Amino acid sequence: MPENGTFDELGLPPALQAAIADLGFTTPSAIQAQAIPALLGGRDIVGVAQTGTGKTAAFGLPLLAAIDYDIPAVQAIVLTPTRELAMQVADAIQSFATHLPGLNVLAVYGGSPFLPQQRALARGAQVVVGTPGRVLDHLERRTLKLDQVRFLVLDEADEMLRMGFAEDVDKVLSAAPRERQVALFSATMPPQIRRVAEQHLNRPVEITVSRQASTVTSVRQTYAVVPHRHKTGALARVLAVSEADAAIVFVRTRGAAEEVGSALIERGISAAYISGDVAQTEREKIVDRLRTGALDVLVATDVAARGLDVDRIGLVVNFDVPREPEIYVHRIGRTGRAGREGEALSFVTPAEQSRLRQIERTTRQSLLQVDIPSPAEVSAHRVQALLARTGARAELDRLDLYREAIAVHMAQNPDVDPFELLAVLTALSVGDEGPVAVQGDDLDDALSRAHLTGGGRERDGERSYDRPERGERRRADTHIAGGSPRWRVAVGHRDGLQPGALVGALTGEGGLTGKDVGKIDIFGSFALVDIPDGLSADVIDRLARTRVAGRPLRIRLDSGPRPGHGASRPTHGPARGRS
């Protein structure tokens, strides 16, 4: 018999057994085998379980068993930290209810119209899955009543409290009837979660399905000391020399995900970002691009990355060190899959040394300190990669144009050494514009100071993202000086347009890369963007229908004066060189 028995042994009603049989469930997971009998028996539970352990079914099936389908009133509430998770959980519960024709499940969350949710509640939804803020909104407007609620679930409780929902969660739980059943699930169990359990749960059964942190032996774990404001520059260098097929970069907040992801895109890196605010359909598209190789770097928050399983990921970068060691283990478990070797690199500020020690104690492993690659090392890596492609390119031929151009150049400059010319061309091809581009490099100076002095006045918790390095900023400016085509889009500052969103649209829908996009100036009702190589008719057609900040781009070639030459001043500065 399987270690966790079978679903037939758990005591579920026949309608729910039929539903899980339809879904192909045969053997319960560890959390399901322990949580379902306890919840069916009327006990409160505290479950320590990671995403992917089957916890939605662990609370969803007993939740459905507790509902009286003849009562058209809300009888179960599930609180989740994000709208994405709310939709996922609602869909899962609905899939368990295929043999329960009288059941209505409703997802409620911010960022969507209030009135349709109000109407659905009025029609008699029995299960409500939602974010704490929107559930509380409905409570305060009296469009949601809890007098019939008999089952409450806190899913990913640690994330809800970390995101600042502690007060909202407390108000919802306090508004529910005293005679109710509560299931609390959390990937970690910090003291604040313990306090919630003590205050709102009645003698709960505690279930831990596995060690909260286990050593990941297939992952090489390293760290680098990097001041906050130079993390993006350091990340770009790390990605430039990495041999990994794909990488995932973890940040703490959705704002950081957008800023870091946009900065990588602007540097020409094949990147995208997701957070809990990204719609599920868009998230699925991005993950599919990562899985198929159309995307190489994903910047994500912990919540958005939960459940993400992509074998290509060979590198995990902790851009922000997680607050709990258990989260660190969850993150680095994204690599080293399918028998492959993986690598995890954590950026640690001088003020975060204590967190590093906690991680080492929890994982029972020492992290190896490494140095951020220097500009010379990045250039050397790019040169080797370039030279490795020369053989295959030579076989394809069609090089007459370049041979003739070189012959003309040599005839006009007879004193030029051919090897010197080859070296210069190679340097330019990998983006090395000479000593001026890296002279007095702020990043290298800052890294040296961090190692020698402990980082000076660096403050723990500060969030700051550095500008592109001097060479990159100068190259962007030369596009403008050279009079490259400037395009106008019908979305601006009043619509909430951000440079990263526009770059994302141009690269995602238009097929451009970050290197194809030059300076961006955002004005009140429109924006101007330099695209040195121009746009083809089909790309213009696709982009014209693309929506950013809720409005169509309607992109067209701009015929007006450039900023600084009679044009209005932008309300938002250029994307290049911005943080």
Protein backbone atom coordinates (compact mmCIF):
# COMPACT_ATOMS: atom_id res chain seq x y z
CA MET A 1 0.00 0.00 0.00
CA PRO A 2 1.30 3.55 -0.71
CA GLU A 3 2.96 5.30 2.23
CA ASN A 4 0.11 7.86 2.54
CA GLY A 5 -2.68 5.36 1.84
CA THR A 6 -5.37 6.15 -0.71
CA PHE A 7 -8.02 8.86 -1.01
CA ASP A 8 -10.70 6.23 -0.38
CA GLU A 9 -9.39 5.89 3.18
CA LEU A 10 -9.66 9.59 4.07
CA GLY A 11 -13.43 9.67 4.65
CA LEU A 12 -14.39 12.11 1.89
CA PRO A 13 -18.04 12.24 0.69
CA PRO A 14 -18.77 10.24 -2.50
CA ALA A 15 -19.20 13.38 -4.65
CA LEU A 16 -15.72 14.60 -3.73
CA GLN A 17 -14.19 11.15 -4.24
CA ALA A 18 -15.71 11.10 -7.73
CA ALA A 19 -14.26 14.54 -8.48
CA ILE A 20 -10.71 13.64 -7.45
CA ALA A 21 -10.97 10.39 -9.42
CA ASP A 22 -11.92 12.46 -12.48
CA LEU A 23 -8.85 14.60 -11.88
CA GLY A 24 -6.61 11.54 -11.77
CA PHE A 25 -5.75 11.76 -8.06
CA THR A 26 -4.92 8.35 -6.63
CA THR A 27 -2.52 8.70 -3.70
CA PRO A 28 -2.74 11.66 -1.30
CA SER A 29 0.35 13.72 -0.62
CA ALA A 30 1.76 13.88 2.89
CA ILE A 31 -0.05 17.12 3.75
CA GLN A 32 -3.33 15.76 2.32
CA ALA A 33 -3.06 12.47 4.21
CA GLN A 34 -2.70 14.31 7.53
CA ALA A 35 -4.77 17.47 7.04
CA ILE A 36 -7.91 16.06 5.40
CA PRO A 37 -8.88 13.65 8.25
CA ALA A 38 -8.19 16.32 10.87
CA LEU A 39 -10.32 18.91 9.07
CA LEU A 40 -13.12 16.43 8.36
CA GLY A 41 -13.07 15.71 12.09
CA GLY A 42 -13.74 19.39 12.84
CA ARG A 43 -10.26 20.30 14.12
CA ASP A 44 -8.41 23.53 13.41
CA ILE A 45 -5.00 22.97 11.86
CA VAL A 46 -1.68 24.74 11.35
CA GLY A 47 0.06 23.29 8.31
CA VAL A 48 3.70 24.01 7.48
CA ALA A 49 3.92 23.15 3.79
CA GLN A 50 5.53 24.54 0.68
CA THR A 51 3.79 25.24 -2.60
CA GLY A 52 3.63 22.08 -4.70
CA THR A 53 2.83 19.77 -1.78
CA GLY A 54 -0.88 19.62 -2.59
CA LYS A 55 -2.13 21.89 0.19
CA THR A 56 -4.95 23.41 -1.90
CA ALA A 57 -6.66 20.02 -2.03
CA ALA A 58 -5.72 19.48 1.63
CA PHE A 59 -8.02 22.34 2.68
CA GLY A 60 -10.25 22.59 -0.41
CA LEU A 61 -11.78 19.12 -0.14
CA PRO A 62 -12.72 19.36 3.59
CA LEU A 63 -13.97 22.91 2.95
CA LEU A 64 -16.41 21.61 0.35
CA ALA A 65 -17.46 18.79 2.66
CA ALA A 66 -18.45 21.36 5.31
CA ILE A 67 -20.80 23.37 3.07
CA ASP A 68 -24.58 23.10 2.96
CA TYR A 69 -25.34 23.58 -0.73
CA ASP A 70 -28.99 24.40 -0.04
CA ILE A 71 -27.99 27.64 1.68
CA PRO A 72 -27.23 30.45 -0.86
CA ALA A 73 -24.89 32.32 1.49
CA VAL A 74 -21.14 32.57 1.99
CA GLN A 75 -20.04 29.67 4.18
CA ALA A 76 -16.29 29.52 3.51
CA ILE A 77 -13.60 32.20 3.17
CA VAL A 78 -10.11 31.60 1.83
CA LEU A 79 -7.61 34.45 2.22
CA THR A 80 -4.57 34.57 -0.10
CA PRO A 81 -1.77 37.16 -0.42
CA THR A 82 -2.22 37.92 -4.13
CA ARG A 83 -4.95 38.05 -6.75
CA GLU A 84 -3.01 35.54 -8.83
CA LEU A 85 -3.15 32.98 -6.04
CA ALA A 86 -6.79 33.82 -5.34
CA MET A 87 -7.70 32.94 -8.92
CA GLN A 88 -5.64 29.74 -8.82
CA VAL A 89 -7.22 28.56 -5.56
CA ALA A 90 -10.75 29.45 -6.73
CA ASP A 91 -10.23 27.48 -9.95
CA ALA A 92 -8.88 24.50 -8.00
CA ILE A 93 -11.82 24.46 -5.58
CA GLN A 94 -14.24 24.74 -8.49
CA SER A 95 -12.56 21.73 -10.13
CA PHE A 96 -13.14 19.71 -6.94
CA ALA A 97 -16.84 20.62 -7.06
CA THR A 98 -17.74 19.18 -10.47
CA HIS A 99 -20.18 16.74 -8.83
CA LEU A 100 -21.68 19.43 -6.60
CA PRO A 101 -24.05 21.29 -8.96
CA GLY A 102 -25.31 23.74 -6.36
CA LEU A 103 -21.91 25.22 -5.49
CA ASN A 104 -20.71 28.68 -6.46
CA VAL A 105 -17.08 29.77 -5.95
CA LEU A 106 -16.12 33.44 -6.30
CA ALA A 107 -12.67 35.07 -6.41
CA VAL A 108 -12.49 38.68 -5.16
CA TYR A 109 -9.38 40.84 -5.36
CA GLY A 110 -8.24 44.39 -5.88
CA GLY A 111 -7.50 45.76 -9.33
CA SER A 112 -10.80 44.45 -10.76
CA PRO A 113 -14.26 46.12 -10.81
CA PHE A 114 -16.13 46.02 -7.52
CA LEU A 115 -19.70 45.88 -8.90
CA PRO A 116 -19.49 42.46 -10.67
CA GLN A 117 -18.12 40.96 -7.45
CA GLN A 118 -20.96 42.56 -5.50
CA ARG A 119 -23.53 41.09 -7.89
CA ALA A 120 -21.97 37.62 -7.69
CA LEU A 121 -22.13 37.78 -3.90
CA ALA A 122 -25.77 38.83 -4.07
CA ARG A 123 -26.55 35.83 -6.30
CA GLY A 124 -25.38 33.50 -3.53
CA ALA A 125 -21.73 32.49 -3.73
CA GLN A 126 -20.97 29.94 -1.02
CA VAL A 127 -17.14 30.01 -1.23
CA VAL A 128 -15.20 33.27 -1.44
CA VAL A 129 -11.49 33.25 -2.22
CA GLY A 130 -9.81 36.62 -2.03
CA THR A 131 -7.10 38.98 -0.94
CA PRO A 132 -7.51 40.42 2.58
CA GLY A 133 -7.92 44.01 1.40
CA ARG A 134 -10.75 43.32 -1.05
CA VAL A 135 -12.53 40.92 1.33
CA LEU A 136 -12.40 43.64 3.99
CA ASP A 137 -13.74 46.20 1.47
CA HIS A 138 -16.79 43.99 0.88
CA LEU A 139 -17.25 43.53 4.62
CA GLU A 140 -17.14 47.28 5.29
CA ARG A 141 -19.59 47.99 2.45
CA ARG A 142 -21.81 45.18 3.74
CA THR A 143 -21.81 43.42 0.39
CA LEU A 144 -20.26 40.39 2.13
CA LYS A 145 -21.78 38.88 5.27
CA LEU A 146 -20.00 36.33 7.43
CA ASP A 147 -22.84 35.25 9.72
CA GLN A 148 -23.11 31.87 7.91
CA VAL A 149 -19.35 31.26 7.61
CA ARG A 150 -18.23 27.95 9.11
CA PHE A 151 -14.80 27.47 7.46
CA LEU A 152 -11.87 29.90 7.10
CA VAL A 153 -8.49 29.32 5.46
CA LEU A 154 -5.34 31.43 5.60
CA ASP A 155 -3.26 30.31 2.63
CA GLU A 156 0.40 31.40 2.50
CA ALA A 157 -0.07 33.19 5.82
CA ASP A 158 3.59 34.18 6.05
CA GLU A 159 3.37 36.03 2.74
CA MET A 160 0.17 37.83 3.77
CA LEU A 161 1.76 39.12 6.95
CA ARG A 162 5.00 40.00 5.19
CA MET A 163 3.05 42.05 2.64
CA GLY A 164 1.41 44.12 5.38
CA PHE A 165 -1.99 42.42 5.59
CA ALA A 166 -1.77 41.56 9.31
CA GLU A 167 -4.43 44.10 10.37
CA ASP A 168 -6.80 43.16 7.52
CA VAL A 169 -6.46 39.44 8.31
CA ASP A 170 -7.18 40.12 11.99
CA LYS A 171 -10.32 42.14 11.13
CA VAL A 172 -11.69 39.41 8.84
CA LEU A 173 -11.08 36.67 11.40
CA SER A 174 -12.59 38.77 14.18
CA ALA A 175 -15.72 39.43 12.09
CA ALA A 176 -16.39 35.71 11.54
CA PRO A 177 -18.61 33.69 13.92
CA ARG A 178 -16.88 32.27 16.97
CA GLU A 179 -18.10 28.79 16.06
CA ARG A 180 -16.04 28.24 12.97
CA GLN A 181 -13.18 26.07 11.75
CA VAL A 182 -9.83 27.57 10.73
CA ALA A 183 -6.99 26.12 8.66
CA LEU A 184 -3.73 28.09 8.53
CA PHE A 185 -1.07 27.16 5.96
CA SER A 186 2.36 28.71 5.81
CA ALA A 187 5.67 27.82 4.17
CA THR A 188 7.49 29.15 7.25
CA MET A 189 6.53 29.55 10.88
CA PRO A 190 7.93 32.85 12.23
CA PRO A 191 6.76 34.16 15.63
CA GLN A 192 4.07 36.43 14.16
CA ILE A 193 2.35 33.42 12.55
CA ARG A 194 2.43 31.67 15.92
CA ARG A 195 0.70 34.68 17.45
CA VAL A 196 -2.07 34.57 14.84
CA ALA A 197 -2.61 30.86 15.52
CA GLU A 198 -2.75 31.40 19.28
CA GLN A 199 -5.25 34.24 18.95
CA HIS A 200 -7.66 32.88 16.33
CA LEU A 201 -7.36 29.06 16.27
CA ASN A 202 -8.81 26.60 18.78
CA ARG A 203 -6.31 23.94 19.92
CA PRO A 204 -5.03 23.41 16.37
CA VAL A 205 -3.41 20.24 15.11
CA GLU A 206 0.10 21.12 13.89
CA ILE A 207 1.24 19.38 10.72
CA THR A 208 4.70 19.68 9.19
CA VAL A 209 5.05 17.56 6.09
CA SER A 210 8.79 17.92 5.68
CA ARG A 211 11.74 19.71 7.16
CA GLN A 212 11.27 23.44 6.72
CA ALA A 213 14.76 23.68 5.29
CA SER A 214 16.73 20.88 3.76
CA THR A 215 20.18 21.01 2.24
CA VAL A 216 20.20 21.27 -1.54
CA THR A 217 23.26 19.20 -2.37
CA SER A 218 23.09 19.65 -6.14
CA VAL A 219 23.41 23.45 -5.91
CA ARG A 220 26.70 25.33 -5.55
CA GLN A 221 25.90 28.11 -3.06
CA THR A 222 27.88 31.36 -3.17
CA TYR A 223 27.54 34.97 -2.09
CA ALA A 224 29.04 38.34 -3.01
CA VAL A 225 29.19 41.52 -0.95
CA VAL A 226 27.44 44.21 -3.02
CA PRO A 227 26.14 47.62 -1.84
CA HIS A 228 22.44 48.17 -2.60
CA ARG A 229 22.82 50.87 -5.24
CA HIS A 230 25.21 48.78 -7.32
CA LYS A 231 23.28 45.51 -7.35
CA THR A 232 21.86 45.92 -10.87
CA GLY A 233 25.28 46.58 -12.40
CA ALA A 234 26.69 43.58 -10.53
CA LEU A 235 23.78 41.43 -11.70
CA ALA A 236 24.33 42.39 -15.34
CA ARG A 237 27.97 41.34 -15.10
CA VAL A 238 27.11 38.03 -13.43
CA LEU A 239 24.57 37.21 -16.14
CA ALA A 240 27.07 38.21 -18.85
CA VAL A 241 29.55 35.51 -17.81
CA SER A 242 27.12 32.83 -16.63
CA GLU A 243 27.09 29.52 -18.48
CA ALA A 244 23.57 28.71 -17.25
CA ASP A 245 20.85 28.12 -19.85
CA ALA A 246 18.47 30.34 -17.88
CA ALA A 247 18.40 32.24 -14.59
CA ILE A 248 15.82 33.39 -12.10
CA VAL A 249 16.46 36.52 -10.02
CA PHE A 250 14.54 36.85 -6.75
CA VAL A 251 13.56 40.24 -5.33
CA ARG A 252 11.39 41.15 -2.35
CA THR A 253 8.77 43.48 -3.84
CA ARG A 254 6.79 43.89 -7.04
CA GLY A 255 8.31 47.37 -7.46
CA ALA A 256 11.79 45.89 -7.35
CA ALA A 257 10.75 43.19 -9.86
CA GLU A 258 9.69 45.84 -12.37
CA GLU A 259 12.71 48.07 -11.81
CA VAL A 260 15.32 45.32 -11.97
CA GLY A 261 13.61 43.53 -14.88
CA SER A 262 13.30 46.77 -16.85
CA ALA A 263 16.96 47.62 -16.19
CA LEU A 264 18.06 44.24 -17.55
CA ILE A 265 15.87 44.62 -20.64
CA GLU A 266 17.36 48.06 -21.28
CA ARG A 267 20.83 46.50 -21.17
CA GLY A 268 19.88 44.12 -23.97
CA ILE A 269 19.37 41.06 -21.76
CA SER A 270 16.58 38.65 -22.71
CA ALA A 271 14.61 39.20 -19.50
CA ALA A 272 11.09 39.57 -18.12
CA TYR A 273 9.60 40.13 -14.68
CA ILE A 274 6.59 38.80 -12.77
CA SER A 275 5.04 39.61 -9.42
CA GLY A 276 1.78 38.88 -7.68
CA ASP A 277 0.18 41.71 -9.68
CA VAL A 278 0.84 40.05 -13.04
CA ALA A 279 -2.28 38.39 -14.45
CA GLN A 280 -2.23 34.60 -14.56
CA THR A 281 -2.51 34.48 -18.35
CA GLU A 282 0.46 36.82 -18.75
CA ARG A 283 2.44 34.86 -16.17
CA GLU A 284 1.81 31.64 -18.09
CA LYS A 285 3.05 33.24 -21.32
CA ILE A 286 6.24 34.45 -19.63
CA VAL A 287 6.95 31.09 -17.98
CA ASP A 288 6.34 29.31 -21.29
CA ARG A 289 8.88 31.61 -22.99
CA LEU A 290 11.37 30.77 -20.24
CA ARG A 291 10.70 27.06 -20.64
CA THR A 292 11.08 27.07 -24.45
CA GLY A 293 14.24 29.19 -24.51
CA ALA A 294 12.68 32.38 -25.88
CA LEU A 295 13.57 34.03 -22.56
CA ASP A 296 16.75 33.62 -20.52
CA VAL A 297 16.26 35.62 -17.32
CA LEU A 298 13.19 35.93 -15.11
CA VAL A 299 12.98 38.48 -12.27
CA ALA A 300 10.34 37.43 -9.74
CA THR A 301 8.97 37.86 -6.26
CA ASP A 302 8.65 34.78 -4.05
CA VAL A 303 4.86 34.61 -4.38
CA ALA A 304 4.90 34.95 -8.18
CA ALA A 305 7.53 32.19 -8.53
CA ARG A 306 5.78 29.65 -6.37
CA GLY A 307 4.95 26.55 -8.36
CA LEU A 308 7.39 27.53 -11.12
CA ASP A 309 9.26 24.46 -12.35
CA VAL A 310 11.61 24.97 -15.33
CA ASP A 311 14.48 22.56 -15.92
CA ARG A 312 16.50 25.17 -17.88
CA ILE A 313 17.19 27.26 -14.76
CA GLY A 314 20.85 26.76 -13.94
CA LEU A 315 21.36 29.90 -11.85
CA VAL A 316 19.36 31.47 -9.02
CA VAL A 317 20.36 34.97 -7.91
CA ASN A 318 19.07 36.30 -4.60
CA PHE A 319 19.09 39.98 -5.54
CA ASP A 320 17.60 40.62 -2.10
CA VAL A 321 18.51 38.22 0.72
CA PRO A 322 15.28 36.67 2.05
CA ARG A 323 14.24 37.49 5.59
CA GLU A 324 13.79 33.84 6.58
CA PRO A 325 16.31 31.06 5.85
CA GLU A 326 13.46 28.76 4.79
CA ILE A 327 12.60 31.10 1.92
CA TYR A 328 16.22 30.90 0.81
CA VAL A 329 15.94 27.12 0.55
CA HIS A 330 12.71 27.40 -1.43
CA ARG A 331 14.37 29.83 -3.84
CA ILE A 332 17.53 27.88 -4.57
CA GLY A 333 15.49 24.73 -5.06
CA ARG A 334 14.45 26.23 -8.42
CA THR A 335 17.81 25.15 -9.85
CA GLY A 336 19.71 21.88 -9.82
CA ARG A 337 16.65 20.09 -11.23
CA ALA A 338 16.51 16.89 -13.28
CA GLY A 339 19.91 15.67 -12.09
CA ARG A 340 21.71 18.82 -13.25
CA GLU A 341 24.17 20.95 -11.35
CA GLY A 342 22.88 24.35 -10.31
CA GLU A 343 24.32 27.52 -8.82
CA ALA A 344 22.86 29.99 -6.34
CA LEU A 345 24.41 33.43 -5.81
CA SER A 346 23.23 35.80 -3.08
CA PHE A 347 23.95 39.53 -3.07
CA VAL A 348 24.69 40.46 0.55
CA THR A 349 25.12 44.03 1.71
CA PRO A 350 27.65 44.71 4.47
CA ALA A 351 24.71 45.18 6.87
CA GLU A 352 23.23 41.75 6.08
CA GLN A 353 26.03 39.52 7.36
CA SER A 354 23.82 38.22 10.18
CA ARG A 355 21.23 36.93 7.69
CA LEU A 356 23.96 35.09 5.86
CA ARG A 357 25.01 33.35 9.07
CA GLN A 358 21.38 32.33 9.74
CA ILE A 359 21.14 30.79 6.27
CA GLU A 360 24.35 28.83 6.83
CA ARG A 361 23.10 27.51 10.18
CA THR A 362 19.75 26.48 8.70
CA THR A 363 21.18 24.78 5.61
CA ARG A 364 24.16 23.36 7.52
CA GLN A 365 26.35 24.56 4.68
CA SER A 366 28.93 27.33 4.36
CA LEU A 367 28.41 29.70 1.45
CA LEU A 368 31.51 30.44 -0.61
CA GLN A 369 32.31 34.13 -1.08
CA VAL A 370 32.98 35.07 -4.72
CA ASP A 371 33.89 38.27 -6.53
CA ILE A 372 31.68 40.07 -9.04
CA PRO A 373 33.25 39.77 -12.53
CA SER A 374 35.28 42.79 -13.58
CA PRO A 375 34.65 44.61 -16.90
CA ALA A 376 37.77 42.91 -18.31
CA GLU A 377 36.43 39.48 -17.34
CA VAL A 378 33.06 40.26 -18.91
CA SER A 379 34.75 41.38 -22.14
CA ALA A 380 37.01 38.28 -22.15
CA HIS A 381 34.01 36.02 -21.76
CA ARG A 382 32.17 37.75 -24.59
CA VAL A 383 35.23 37.51 -26.84
CA GLN A 384 35.53 33.77 -26.25
CA ALA A 385 31.84 33.29 -26.99
CA LEU A 386 32.22 35.40 -30.15
CA LEU A 387 35.27 33.49 -31.38
CA ALA A 388 33.49 30.19 -30.75
CA ARG A 389 30.89 31.21 -33.34
CA THR A 390 33.32 32.19 -36.08
CA GLY A 391 33.73 28.70 -37.54
CA ALA A 392 30.01 28.18 -38.07
CA ARG A 393 29.65 31.69 -39.51
CA ALA A 394 32.54 31.16 -41.93
CA GLU A 395 30.85 28.05 -43.32
CA LEU A 396 27.76 30.08 -44.22
CA ASP A 397 29.94 32.42 -46.35
CA ARG A 398 28.30 35.61 -47.77
CA LEU A 399 31.22 37.65 -46.42
CA ASP A 400 32.18 39.53 -49.60
CA LEU A 401 30.69 42.79 -48.35
CA TYR A 402 32.91 42.71 -45.24
CA ARG A 403 36.03 41.62 -47.12
CA GLU A 404 35.59 44.54 -49.52
CA ALA A 405 35.01 47.03 -46.68
CA ILE A 406 38.14 45.84 -44.88
CA ALA A 407 40.18 45.95 -48.12
CA VAL A 408 39.08 49.54 -48.76
CA HIS A 409 39.90 50.52 -45.18
CA MET A 410 43.36 48.92 -45.39
CA ALA A 411 44.05 50.67 -48.72
CA GLN A 412 43.09 54.02 -47.21
CA ASN A 413 45.10 53.34 -44.05
CA PRO A 414 48.17 51.38 -45.16
CA ASP A 415 49.94 51.81 -41.81
CA VAL A 416 47.23 49.94 -39.88
CA ASP A 417 48.34 46.59 -38.48
CA PRO A 418 45.78 43.90 -39.56
CA PHE A 419 45.98 42.25 -36.14
CA GLU A 420 45.42 45.60 -34.45
CA LEU A 421 42.39 46.22 -36.67
CA LEU A 422 41.03 42.76 -35.81
CA ALA A 423 41.50 43.45 -32.10
CA VAL A 424 39.66 46.79 -32.37
CA LEU A 425 36.77 45.25 -34.31
CA THR A 426 36.51 42.45 -31.74
CA ALA A 427 36.49 44.95 -28.85
CA LEU A 428 33.74 46.99 -30.49
CA SER A 429 31.69 43.89 -31.26
CA VAL A 430 31.55 42.93 -27.56
CA GLY A 431 30.73 46.47 -26.43
CA ASP A 432 34.16 47.48 -25.16
CA GLU A 433 34.63 51.13 -26.16
CA GLY A 434 37.97 51.54 -24.44
CA PRO A 435 39.44 52.70 -21.12
CA VAL A 436 37.25 55.82 -21.00
CA ALA A 437 34.14 53.64 -20.69
CA VAL A 438 35.36 51.96 -17.51
CA GLN A 439 37.79 54.50 -16.07
CA GLY A 440 37.03 55.12 -12.38
CA ASP A 441 34.26 52.53 -12.46
CA ASP A 442 31.85 53.33 -9.60
CA LEU A 443 30.81 49.71 -9.23
CA ASP A 444 34.35 48.38 -8.84
CA ASP A 445 35.21 51.20 -6.43
CA ALA A 446 32.11 50.43 -4.37
CA LEU A 447 32.83 46.69 -4.30
CA SER A 448 36.36 47.38 -3.09
CA ARG A 449 35.11 49.69 -0.35
CA ALA A 450 32.50 47.15 0.72
CA HIS A 451 35.19 44.51 1.17
CA LEU A 452 37.67 46.80 2.94
CA THR A 453 35.49 49.04 5.08
CA GLY A 454 32.25 47.16 5.59
CA GLY A 455 30.35 49.41 3.20
CA GLY A 456 30.53 52.78 4.97
CA ARG A 457 27.05 54.19 5.59
CA GLU A 458 25.17 51.42 3.79
CA ARG A 459 21.79 50.93 5.48
CA ASP A 460 20.05 47.56 5.72
CA GLY A 461 16.70 47.56 3.95
CA GLU A 462 17.52 50.45 1.61
CA ARG A 463 16.35 49.87 -1.93
CA SER A 464 18.22 51.63 -4.69
CA TYR A 465 19.06 50.56 -8.22
CA ASP A 466 22.10 51.86 -10.02
CA ARG A 467 22.19 53.47 -13.41
CA PRO A 468 23.67 51.76 -16.48
CA GLU A 469 27.45 51.97 -16.55
CA ARG A 470 29.05 54.99 -18.20
CA GLY A 471 29.84 53.22 -21.45
CA GLU A 472 26.25 52.07 -21.87
CA ARG A 473 24.86 55.53 -21.10
CA ARG A 474 27.19 57.14 -23.64
CA ARG A 475 26.21 54.65 -26.34
CA ALA A 476 22.54 55.48 -25.82
CA ASP A 477 23.28 59.20 -26.14
CA THR A 478 25.15 58.73 -29.44
CA HIS A 479 21.96 57.28 -30.96
CA ILE A 480 20.31 60.63 -30.37
CA ALA A 481 23.28 62.63 -31.57
CA GLY A 482 23.29 60.59 -34.76
CA GLY A 483 19.71 61.51 -35.52
CA SER A 484 18.19 58.06 -35.21
CA PRO A 485 14.45 57.63 -35.90
CA ARG A 486 12.21 58.85 -33.09
CA TRP A 487 8.78 57.26 -32.63
CA ARG A 488 5.70 58.61 -30.88
CA VAL A 489 3.28 56.50 -28.80
CA ALA A 490 -0.12 57.64 -27.58
CA VAL A 491 0.47 56.76 -23.91
CA GLY A 492 2.09 59.06 -21.40
CA HIS A 493 2.70 60.08 -17.82
CA ARG A 494 -1.00 60.70 -17.12
CA ASP A 495 -1.69 57.04 -17.95
CA GLY A 496 0.94 55.87 -15.48
CA LEU A 497 3.40 54.85 -18.20
CA GLN A 498 6.78 53.66 -16.92
CA PRO A 499 9.89 53.24 -19.13
CA GLY A 500 10.11 49.54 -18.29
CA ALA A 501 6.54 48.93 -19.43
CA LEU A 502 7.20 50.58 -22.79
CA VAL A 503 10.46 48.68 -23.29
CA GLY A 504 8.64 45.48 -22.35
CA ALA A 505 5.97 46.12 -24.98
CA LEU A 506 8.53 46.88 -27.68
CA THR A 507 10.54 43.75 -26.90
CA GLY A 508 7.65 41.42 -26.09
CA GLU A 509 5.20 42.36 -28.86
CA GLY A 510 7.50 44.03 -31.36
CA GLY A 511 10.24 41.42 -31.30
CA LEU A 512 12.94 44.01 -30.51
CA THR A 513 15.74 43.58 -27.99
CA GLY A 514 16.78 46.03 -25.31
CA LYS A 515 19.71 47.09 -27.49
CA ASP A 516 17.28 48.15 -30.23
CA VAL A 517 15.64 50.73 -27.97
CA GLY A 518 17.29 54.06 -27.31
CA LYS A 519 16.28 57.06 -25.24
CA ILE A 520 12.71 57.35 -23.96
CA ASP A 521 11.06 60.68 -23.05
CA ILE A 522 7.65 60.46 -21.36
CA PHE A 523 5.30 63.47 -21.56
CA GLY A 524 1.81 64.04 -20.20
CA SER A 525 -0.24 62.34 -22.92
CA PHE A 526 2.41 60.73 -25.12
CA ALA A 527 5.98 59.43 -25.16
CA LEU A 528 8.89 59.52 -27.60
CA VAL A 529 11.34 56.67 -28.08
CA ASP A 530 14.47 56.36 -30.22
CA ILE A 531 14.65 53.16 -32.28
CA PRO A 532 17.88 53.51 -34.30
CA ASP A 533 17.16 50.70 -36.77
CA GLY A 534 13.56 51.71 -37.37
CA LEU A 535 10.49 49.46 -37.51
CA SER A 536 9.06 47.31 -40.27
CA ALA A 537 5.44 47.68 -41.37
CA ASP A 538 4.29 44.45 -39.69
CA VAL A 539 5.96 45.41 -36.41
CA ILE A 540 4.28 48.83 -36.53
CA ASP A 541 0.95 47.10 -37.14
CA ARG A 542 1.43 44.76 -34.15
CA LEU A 543 2.56 47.54 -31.85
CA ALA A 544 -0.29 49.81 -32.91
CA ARG A 545 -2.71 47.29 -31.37
CA THR A 546 -0.59 46.63 -28.26
CA ARG A 547 -1.96 48.04 -25.01
CA VAL A 548 0.26 49.55 -22.31
CA ALA A 549 -1.08 51.08 -19.10
CA GLY A 550 -4.55 50.15 -20.38
CA ARG A 551 -4.28 52.16 -23.62
CA PRO A 552 -3.26 51.25 -27.19
CA LEU A 553 0.22 52.44 -28.18
CA ARG A 554 -0.77 53.71 -31.66
CA ILE A 555 2.92 54.05 -32.54
CA ARG A 556 3.99 56.26 -35.44
CA LEU A 557 7.11 58.06 -36.67
CA ASP A 558 7.42 61.41 -34.89
CA SER A 559 7.82 64.55 -37.00
CA GLY A 560 8.01 67.10 -34.20
CA PRO A 561 11.09 68.75 -32.63
CA ARG A 562 13.27 66.82 -30.22
CA PRO A 563 13.19 67.60 -26.49
CA GLY A 564 15.48 70.56 -25.87
CA HIS A 565 14.85 71.92 -29.40
CA GLY A 566 11.50 73.59 -28.96
CA ALA A 567 9.56 70.63 -27.61
CA SER A 568 7.76 70.57 -24.28
CA ARG A 569 9.75 69.23 -21.39
CA PRO A 570 9.05 65.60 -20.48
CA THR A 571 7.32 64.87 -17.18
CA HIS A 572 9.35 61.70 -16.89
CA GLY A 573 13.04 61.48 -17.74
CA PRO A 574 14.80 59.20 -20.22
CA ALA A 575 14.75 55.48 -19.57
CA ARG A 576 18.45 55.17 -20.30
CA GLY A 577 20.42 56.20 -17.26
CA ARG A 578 17.37 56.21 -15.00
CA SER A 579 16.99 54.09 -11.91
